[in-house]
């Protein structure tokens, strides 16, 4: 019996895994930013011109052996899940073998300069037909610099603005500063979702705390939605603050008519414990209530100075969950744990948005 192995041309791999896999330029740049984050870089700079894109970070860098064993080995990664300890710990974001082909989406010719702190500086070059590796002199600087030429896109001010907005929505951490430079204009990329302020970003905040051991769900509502004179219609209700505590085991017991009676109480208990602790935060505001509705329902704010308009953004750790297209960001609702399924109707409400932190995964939802 003869054992066969596939032989694939480098240019074909670059076309399939790079050019076709990343359908827009923003998602390709994001993948390289993720690589800088995984390399423990405190800073990454994206410099864009009509001739080239330069992405430079001051992370850990690579040496010759890492280039040969990991960078040039498709589908292999020596990355751990978490690097660092305490406040410096990072949950890694890059995908196996994807980053290098994000470069192919951006340009047809590449030079990658990289150096580890105690290693020799190496230069990897490719035109996606031929790859070469050589040493170069750089005794002090560690990190990675990627120079991409023969660009596949015409980078205009409009495209660069879209990239900045995309990175702002996508990156949700403070451990690495991202900068984008175009036509000598350098800008720090700030997180889109900052500290939420009632009356400025939203009119109501709903915080949910779930404790798996005690199976308790605490709902804490803070609101600045209504004028003071609305209180006369809501006797006994605090329109500004409400706190509710639910025993989820008891709630499920009361739902027996709506769920399978074949599930025992012990199975419910185990299910509720397996969900794990989570914290979520939902924000609500009406976009532009009419003058008539504002007067009728005693709305306090007809317009908000800094209302979020971005739409649905879901975060897992430092970066958003998204397809390689960079635009489609979604949540697989069928695989959400049972107790969270009961919260999903909230997501259908117009004007509602928020964030969920579930087992270390941070999700922001509008």
Protein backbone atom coordinates (compact mmCIF):
# COMPACT_ATOMS: atom_id res chain seq x y z
CA UNK A 1 0.00 0.00 0.00
CA UNK A 2 1.40 3.37 -1.03
CA UNK A 3 0.97 6.32 1.36
CA UNK A 4 0.14 9.58 -0.38
CA UNK A 5 0.53 13.17 0.76
CA UNK A 6 -1.05 16.31 -0.64
CA UNK A 7 1.15 18.77 -2.47
CA UNK A 8 -0.28 22.31 -2.49
CA UNK A 9 1.29 25.37 -4.05
CA UNK A 10 2.01 28.24 -1.65
CA UNK A 11 0.09 30.68 -3.83
CA UNK A 12 -2.98 28.43 -3.71
CA UNK A 13 -2.86 28.26 0.09
CA UNK A 14 -2.54 32.05 0.28
CA UNK A 15 -5.50 32.48 -2.07
CA UNK A 16 -7.81 30.06 -0.25
CA UNK A 17 -6.86 30.78 3.38
CA UNK A 18 -6.14 34.47 2.92
CA UNK A 19 -7.74 36.28 0.02
CA UNK A 20 -10.95 34.23 0.02
CA UNK A 21 -11.15 33.57 3.77
CA UNK A 22 -10.99 37.25 4.73
CA UNK A 23 -13.61 38.94 2.59
CA UNK A 24 -12.71 42.46 3.76
CA UNK A 25 -9.58 44.32 4.77
CA UNK A 26 -10.71 45.24 8.32
CA UNK A 27 -10.94 41.64 9.47
CA UNK A 28 -7.48 40.89 8.03
CA UNK A 29 -5.91 43.80 9.94
CA UNK A 30 -7.74 42.68 13.08
CA UNK A 31 -6.19 39.20 12.87
CA UNK A 32 -2.71 40.75 12.80
CA UNK A 33 -3.61 43.00 15.74
CA UNK A 34 -4.68 39.85 17.62
CA UNK A 35 -1.26 38.32 16.89
CA UNK A 36 0.38 41.37 18.47
CA UNK A 37 -1.89 41.03 21.50
CA UNK A 38 -0.97 37.34 21.83
CA UNK A 39 2.71 38.30 21.63
CA UNK A 40 2.23 40.34 24.85
CA UNK A 41 2.80 43.62 23.01
CA UNK A 42 2.02 46.76 25.05
CA UNK A 43 1.63 48.68 21.76
CA UNK A 44 0.85 47.98 18.13
CA UNK A 45 1.00 50.54 15.32
CA UNK A 46 -0.86 50.21 11.99
CA UNK A 47 0.61 52.61 9.42
CA UNK A 48 -1.26 52.86 6.12
CA UNK A 49 -0.33 54.53 2.87
CA UNK A 50 -1.27 53.96 -0.76
CA UNK A 51 1.90 51.93 -1.30
CA UNK A 52 2.12 49.80 1.83
CA UNK A 53 0.76 48.79 5.22
CA UNK A 54 3.17 48.48 8.14
CA UNK A 55 2.05 46.72 11.33
CA UNK A 56 4.63 46.98 14.10
CA UNK A 57 4.48 45.78 17.70
CA UNK A 58 6.87 45.57 20.65
CA UNK A 59 5.83 42.10 21.69
CA UNK A 60 7.86 38.93 22.23
CA UNK A 61 8.83 38.44 18.59
CA UNK A 62 10.04 35.22 16.94
CA UNK A 63 13.36 33.58 16.23
CA UNK A 64 14.42 31.30 13.39
CA UNK A 65 13.10 28.13 15.06
CA UNK A 66 9.67 29.65 15.71
CA UNK A 67 9.44 30.80 12.10
CA UNK A 68 10.25 27.30 10.86
CA UNK A 69 8.30 25.27 13.41
CA UNK A 70 5.18 27.40 13.90
CA UNK A 71 4.90 30.24 11.39
CA UNK A 72 5.61 27.98 8.39
CA UNK A 73 3.58 25.06 9.77
CA UNK A 74 -0.04 25.52 8.73
CA UNK A 75 -2.55 24.62 11.41
CA UNK A 76 0.05 24.39 14.18
CA UNK A 77 0.34 26.80 17.08
CA UNK A 78 2.51 26.75 20.18
CA UNK A 79 0.27 29.32 21.87
CA UNK A 80 -1.12 28.57 25.30
CA UNK A 81 -4.63 29.61 26.30
CA UNK A 82 -3.46 32.11 28.91
CA UNK A 83 -0.13 33.96 29.05
CA UNK A 84 1.05 35.99 32.03
CA UNK A 85 -0.26 36.19 35.57
CA UNK A 86 -2.55 38.46 37.59
CA UNK A 87 -3.44 41.77 35.96
CA UNK A 88 -0.96 41.09 33.14
CA UNK A 89 -2.61 37.81 32.11
CA UNK A 90 -4.00 37.64 28.59
CA UNK A 91 -6.36 35.07 27.15
CA UNK A 92 -5.02 34.50 23.67
CA UNK A 93 -7.13 35.54 20.72
CA UNK A 94 -5.41 34.45 17.49
CA UNK A 95 -6.40 31.40 15.46
CA UNK A 96 -4.04 28.64 14.44
CA UNK A 97 -2.30 29.55 11.24
CA UNK A 98 -4.79 32.23 10.26
CA UNK A 99 -2.73 35.36 10.96
CA UNK A 100 -0.07 34.80 8.35
CA UNK A 101 -2.72 34.40 5.64
CA UNK A 102 -4.48 37.57 6.75
CA UNK A 103 -1.35 39.19 5.34
CA UNK A 104 -2.12 37.58 1.97
CA UNK A 105 -5.53 39.23 2.00
CA UNK A 106 -3.87 42.63 2.35
CA UNK A 107 -1.00 42.40 -0.11
CA UNK A 108 0.93 40.27 -2.60
CA UNK A 109 4.43 40.92 -1.25
CA UNK A 110 5.55 40.82 2.40
CA UNK A 111 8.60 41.42 4.57
CA UNK A 112 8.40 40.37 8.21
CA UNK A 113 11.16 41.57 10.57
CA UNK A 114 11.10 39.92 13.98
CA UNK A 115 13.35 39.46 16.99
CA UNK A 116 13.08 37.88 20.42
CA UNK A 117 14.77 39.53 23.39
CA UNK A 118 17.68 37.10 23.53
CA UNK A 119 17.62 35.90 19.92
CA UNK A 120 18.90 36.85 16.50
CA UNK A 121 16.79 39.13 14.33
CA UNK A 122 15.33 37.33 11.31
CA UNK A 123 13.65 38.51 8.11
CA UNK A 124 10.99 36.41 6.39
CA UNK A 125 10.00 37.41 2.86
CA UNK A 126 7.38 36.05 0.50
CA UNK A 127 5.52 36.79 -2.71
CA UNK A 128 3.29 33.76 -1.94
CA UNK A 129 5.24 31.69 -4.42
CA UNK A 130 8.68 31.76 -2.79
CA UNK A 131 9.52 32.11 0.93
CA UNK A 132 12.97 33.09 2.17
CA UNK A 133 14.50 33.52 5.62
CA UNK A 134 17.65 35.44 6.52
CA UNK A 135 19.26 37.18 9.46
CA UNK A 136 19.59 40.94 9.82
CA UNK A 137 21.28 43.21 12.35
CA UNK A 138 19.19 44.51 15.24
CA UNK A 139 20.85 44.11 18.62
CA UNK A 140 18.34 45.87 20.86
CA UNK A 141 14.78 46.01 19.57
CA UNK A 142 12.44 43.06 20.17
CA UNK A 143 9.06 42.65 18.49
CA UNK A 144 7.67 42.19 15.00
CA UNK A 145 7.34 44.52 12.02
CA UNK A 146 5.29 43.45 9.00
CA UNK A 147 5.67 45.42 5.76
CA UNK A 148 2.95 44.59 3.22
CA UNK A 149 3.26 45.84 -0.36
CA UNK A 150 1.42 45.48 -3.66
CA UNK A 151 -1.79 46.13 -1.77
CA UNK A 152 -5.05 44.54 -2.86
CA UNK A 153 -7.17 47.52 -1.72
CA UNK A 154 -7.11 51.23 -2.41
CA UNK A 155 -6.79 52.69 1.08
CA UNK A 156 -8.72 55.95 1.12
CA UNK A 157 -9.65 58.13 4.10
CA UNK A 158 -13.06 56.44 4.07
CA UNK A 159 -11.52 52.95 4.33
CA UNK A 160 -9.18 54.02 7.12
CA UNK A 161 -12.07 55.59 9.05
CA UNK A 162 -14.01 52.34 8.72
CA UNK A 163 -10.99 50.43 10.03
CA UNK A 164 -10.67 52.71 13.06
CA UNK A 165 -14.36 52.34 13.89
CA UNK A 166 -14.16 48.58 13.42
CA UNK A 167 -11.14 48.21 15.73
CA UNK A 168 -12.82 50.44 18.31
CA UNK A 169 -15.91 48.21 18.38
CA UNK A 170 -13.92 44.99 18.22
CA UNK A 171 -11.21 45.51 20.84
CA UNK A 172 -12.36 45.64 24.46
CA UNK A 173 -9.25 45.62 26.64
CA UNK A 174 -6.67 47.99 28.13
CA UNK A 175 -3.58 45.77 28.03
CA UNK A 176 -2.47 46.88 24.56
CA UNK A 177 -2.70 50.30 22.92
CA UNK A 178 -3.66 50.26 19.23
CA UNK A 179 -2.69 53.19 17.02
CA UNK A 180 -3.57 53.81 13.38
CA UNK A 181 -1.63 56.28 11.22
CA UNK A 182 -2.67 57.59 7.81
CA UNK A 183 -1.26 60.63 6.00
CA UNK A 184 0.81 61.52 9.10
CA UNK A 185 -2.36 61.59 11.22
CA UNK A 186 -1.90 59.21 14.15
CA UNK A 187 -4.86 58.23 16.35
CA UNK A 188 -5.20 56.08 19.47
CA UNK A 189 -8.04 53.58 19.15
CA UNK A 190 -10.36 53.89 22.15
CA UNK A 191 -12.81 51.25 23.32
CA UNK A 192 -16.28 51.91 21.97
CA UNK A 193 -18.07 50.79 25.14
CA UNK A 194 -16.76 52.87 28.01
CA UNK A 195 -18.17 53.46 31.49
CA UNK A 196 -21.93 53.65 31.15
CA UNK A 197 -23.61 56.82 32.43
CA UNK A 198 -27.33 57.15 33.04
CA UNK A 199 -28.89 60.03 31.17
CA UNK A 200 -25.92 60.25 28.79
CA UNK A 201 -25.47 56.78 27.26
CA UNK A 202 -28.73 55.15 28.35
CA UNK A 203 -31.75 55.68 30.63
CA UNK A 204 -31.85 52.31 32.41
CA UNK A 205 -29.27 49.72 33.50
CA UNK A 206 -30.30 46.17 34.37
CA UNK A 207 -27.62 44.13 36.15
CA UNK A 208 -28.01 40.39 36.63
CA UNK A 209 -25.89 38.32 39.01
CA UNK A 210 -26.19 34.53 39.01
CA UNK A 211 -24.59 32.41 41.76
CA UNK A 212 -24.46 28.74 40.77
CA UNK A 213 -23.85 27.33 44.26
CA UNK A 214 -26.95 28.94 45.76
CA UNK A 215 -28.79 29.02 42.39
CA UNK A 216 -29.86 32.60 43.00
CA UNK A 217 -30.40 35.23 40.33
CA UNK A 218 -30.26 38.83 41.53
CA UNK A 219 -31.68 41.53 39.30
CA UNK A 220 -30.61 45.10 40.09
CA UNK A 221 -32.33 47.85 38.07
CA UNK A 222 -31.22 51.49 38.07
CA UNK A 223 -33.21 53.97 36.00
CA UNK A 224 -33.29 57.64 35.06
CA UNK A 225 -36.01 57.19 32.45
CA UNK A 226 -38.97 59.08 33.92
CA UNK A 227 -39.68 62.50 35.35
CA UNK A 228 -40.46 62.87 39.05
CA UNK A 229 -44.16 63.54 38.45
CA UNK A 230 -44.51 60.04 36.94
CA UNK A 231 -44.20 58.67 40.48
CA UNK A 232 -47.84 59.58 41.31
CA UNK A 233 -49.01 56.93 38.86
CA UNK A 234 -46.79 54.22 40.39
CA UNK A 235 -47.64 54.12 44.08
CA UNK A 236 -45.35 51.83 46.05
CA UNK A 237 -42.83 51.48 43.23
CA UNK A 238 -39.42 53.15 43.16
CA UNK A 239 -38.98 54.25 39.55
CA UNK A 240 -35.27 54.83 40.05
CA UNK A 241 -34.13 51.64 41.77
CA UNK A 242 -35.40 48.08 42.13
CA UNK A 243 -33.66 44.92 43.34
CA UNK A 244 -35.16 41.46 42.89
CA UNK A 245 -33.80 38.12 44.12
CA UNK A 246 -34.99 34.90 42.51
CA UNK A 247 -34.33 31.30 43.53
CA UNK A 248 -33.98 29.64 40.14
CA UNK A 249 -34.67 26.16 41.53
CA UNK A 250 -38.03 27.39 42.79
CA UNK A 251 -38.69 29.19 39.52
CA UNK A 252 -38.14 25.97 37.60
CA UNK A 253 -40.34 24.09 40.04
CA UNK A 254 -43.14 26.53 39.27
CA UNK A 255 -42.61 25.97 35.56
CA UNK A 256 -43.26 22.22 35.68
CA UNK A 257 -46.33 22.62 33.51
CA UNK A 258 -44.21 24.22 30.80
CA UNK A 259 -41.26 21.81 30.78
CA UNK A 260 -40.77 18.08 30.71
CA UNK A 261 -41.93 16.42 33.95
CA UNK A 262 -39.43 13.64 33.33
CA UNK A 263 -36.61 15.82 34.66
CA UNK A 264 -36.09 15.24 38.37
CA UNK A 265 -35.37 17.92 40.96
CA UNK A 266 -31.81 16.60 41.31
CA UNK A 267 -31.27 16.97 37.56
CA UNK A 268 -32.52 20.56 37.71
CA UNK A 269 -30.13 21.25 40.59
CA UNK A 270 -27.20 19.80 38.66
CA UNK A 271 -28.13 21.81 35.57
CA UNK A 272 -28.30 25.05 37.53
CA UNK A 273 -24.90 24.38 39.12
CA UNK A 274 -23.33 23.49 35.77
CA UNK A 275 -24.27 26.88 34.31
CA UNK A 276 -21.61 28.51 36.49
CA UNK A 277 -21.57 32.02 37.88
CA UNK A 278 -22.19 34.86 35.48
CA UNK A 279 -22.74 38.60 35.48
CA UNK A 280 -24.61 40.52 32.81
CA UNK A 281 -25.50 44.12 32.19
CA UNK A 282 -28.21 45.41 29.85
CA UNK A 283 -28.63 49.04 28.83
CA UNK A 284 -31.84 50.55 27.51
CA UNK A 285 -32.87 53.77 25.82
CA UNK A 286 -35.34 54.86 23.19
CA UNK A 287 -33.67 56.35 20.15
CA UNK A 288 -35.92 59.35 19.50
CA UNK A 289 -39.31 59.27 21.24
CA UNK A 290 -41.79 61.67 19.75
CA UNK A 291 -42.75 64.82 21.65
CA UNK A 292 -46.23 63.39 22.16
CA UNK A 293 -44.89 60.13 23.65
CA UNK A 294 -42.38 61.99 25.81
CA UNK A 295 -45.16 64.05 27.35
CA UNK A 296 -47.61 61.16 27.59
CA UNK A 297 -45.22 58.77 29.33
CA UNK A 298 -43.25 61.41 31.31
CA UNK A 299 -39.93 60.52 29.67
CA UNK A 300 -37.12 62.51 31.24
CA UNK A 301 -34.76 62.36 28.24
CA UNK A 302 -35.91 62.90 24.70
CA UNK A 303 -32.33 62.97 23.40
CA UNK A 304 -29.14 61.47 24.86
CA UNK A 305 -25.80 63.20 24.32
CA UNK A 306 -23.78 60.00 23.76
CA UNK A 307 -26.25 57.24 23.02
CA UNK A 308 -24.57 54.11 21.64
CA UNK A 309 -25.61 53.39 18.07
CA UNK A 310 -23.34 50.51 17.13
CA UNK A 311 -25.74 47.59 17.10
CA UNK A 312 -24.95 44.07 18.33
CA UNK A 313 -21.39 43.48 19.57
CA UNK A 314 -20.50 40.27 21.39
CA UNK A 315 -17.17 40.01 23.20
CA UNK A 316 -15.28 36.95 24.27
CA UNK A 317 -12.47 38.17 26.50
CA UNK A 318 -10.49 40.97 24.77
CA UNK A 319 -12.01 40.81 21.28
CA UNK A 320 -15.41 40.51 19.70
CA UNK A 321 -16.77 37.23 18.43
CA UNK A 322 -17.02 37.64 14.68
CA UNK A 323 -16.68 35.89 11.37
CA UNK A 324 -13.62 36.61 9.25
CA UNK A 325 -15.82 38.95 7.26
CA UNK A 326 -15.50 41.38 10.15
CA UNK A 327 -19.05 42.67 9.83
CA UNK A 328 -21.19 39.76 10.93
CA UNK A 329 -21.11 39.42 14.70
CA UNK A 330 -23.57 37.02 16.25
CA UNK A 331 -24.49 34.72 19.10
CA UNK A 332 -25.52 31.09 18.64
CA UNK A 333 -28.72 31.34 20.67
CA UNK A 334 -29.40 27.61 20.39
CA UNK A 335 -26.31 26.84 22.48
CA UNK A 336 -26.91 29.42 25.20
CA UNK A 337 -27.33 27.70 28.64
CA UNK A 338 -30.93 27.11 29.69
CA UNK A 339 -31.04 29.78 32.38
CA UNK A 340 -29.80 32.38 29.90
CA UNK A 341 -32.43 31.30 27.39
CA UNK A 342 -35.02 32.92 29.65
CA UNK A 343 -33.24 36.25 29.21
CA UNK A 344 -33.28 36.14 25.42
CA UNK A 345 -36.67 37.88 25.02
CA UNK A 346 -34.97 40.95 26.48
CA UNK A 347 -32.72 41.01 23.42
CA UNK A 348 -35.72 41.25 21.16
CA UNK A 349 -36.89 44.50 22.76
CA UNK A 350 -36.19 47.59 20.61
CA UNK A 351 -33.60 49.91 22.08
CA UNK A 352 -32.18 47.35 24.53
CA UNK A 353 -28.52 46.53 24.69
CA UNK A 354 -25.99 45.36 27.24
CA UNK A 355 -23.23 42.94 28.13
CA UNK A 356 -22.99 39.44 29.55
CA UNK A 357 -19.95 38.00 31.30
CA UNK A 358 -20.42 34.24 31.24
CA UNK A 359 -17.64 31.94 32.53
CA UNK A 360 -14.96 34.48 31.65
CA UNK A 361 -16.59 35.46 28.37
CA UNK A 362 -17.73 39.07 28.08
CA UNK A 363 -20.61 39.70 25.71
CA UNK A 364 -21.96 43.14 24.88
CA UNK A 365 -25.40 43.09 23.36
CA UNK A 366 -27.64 45.71 21.85
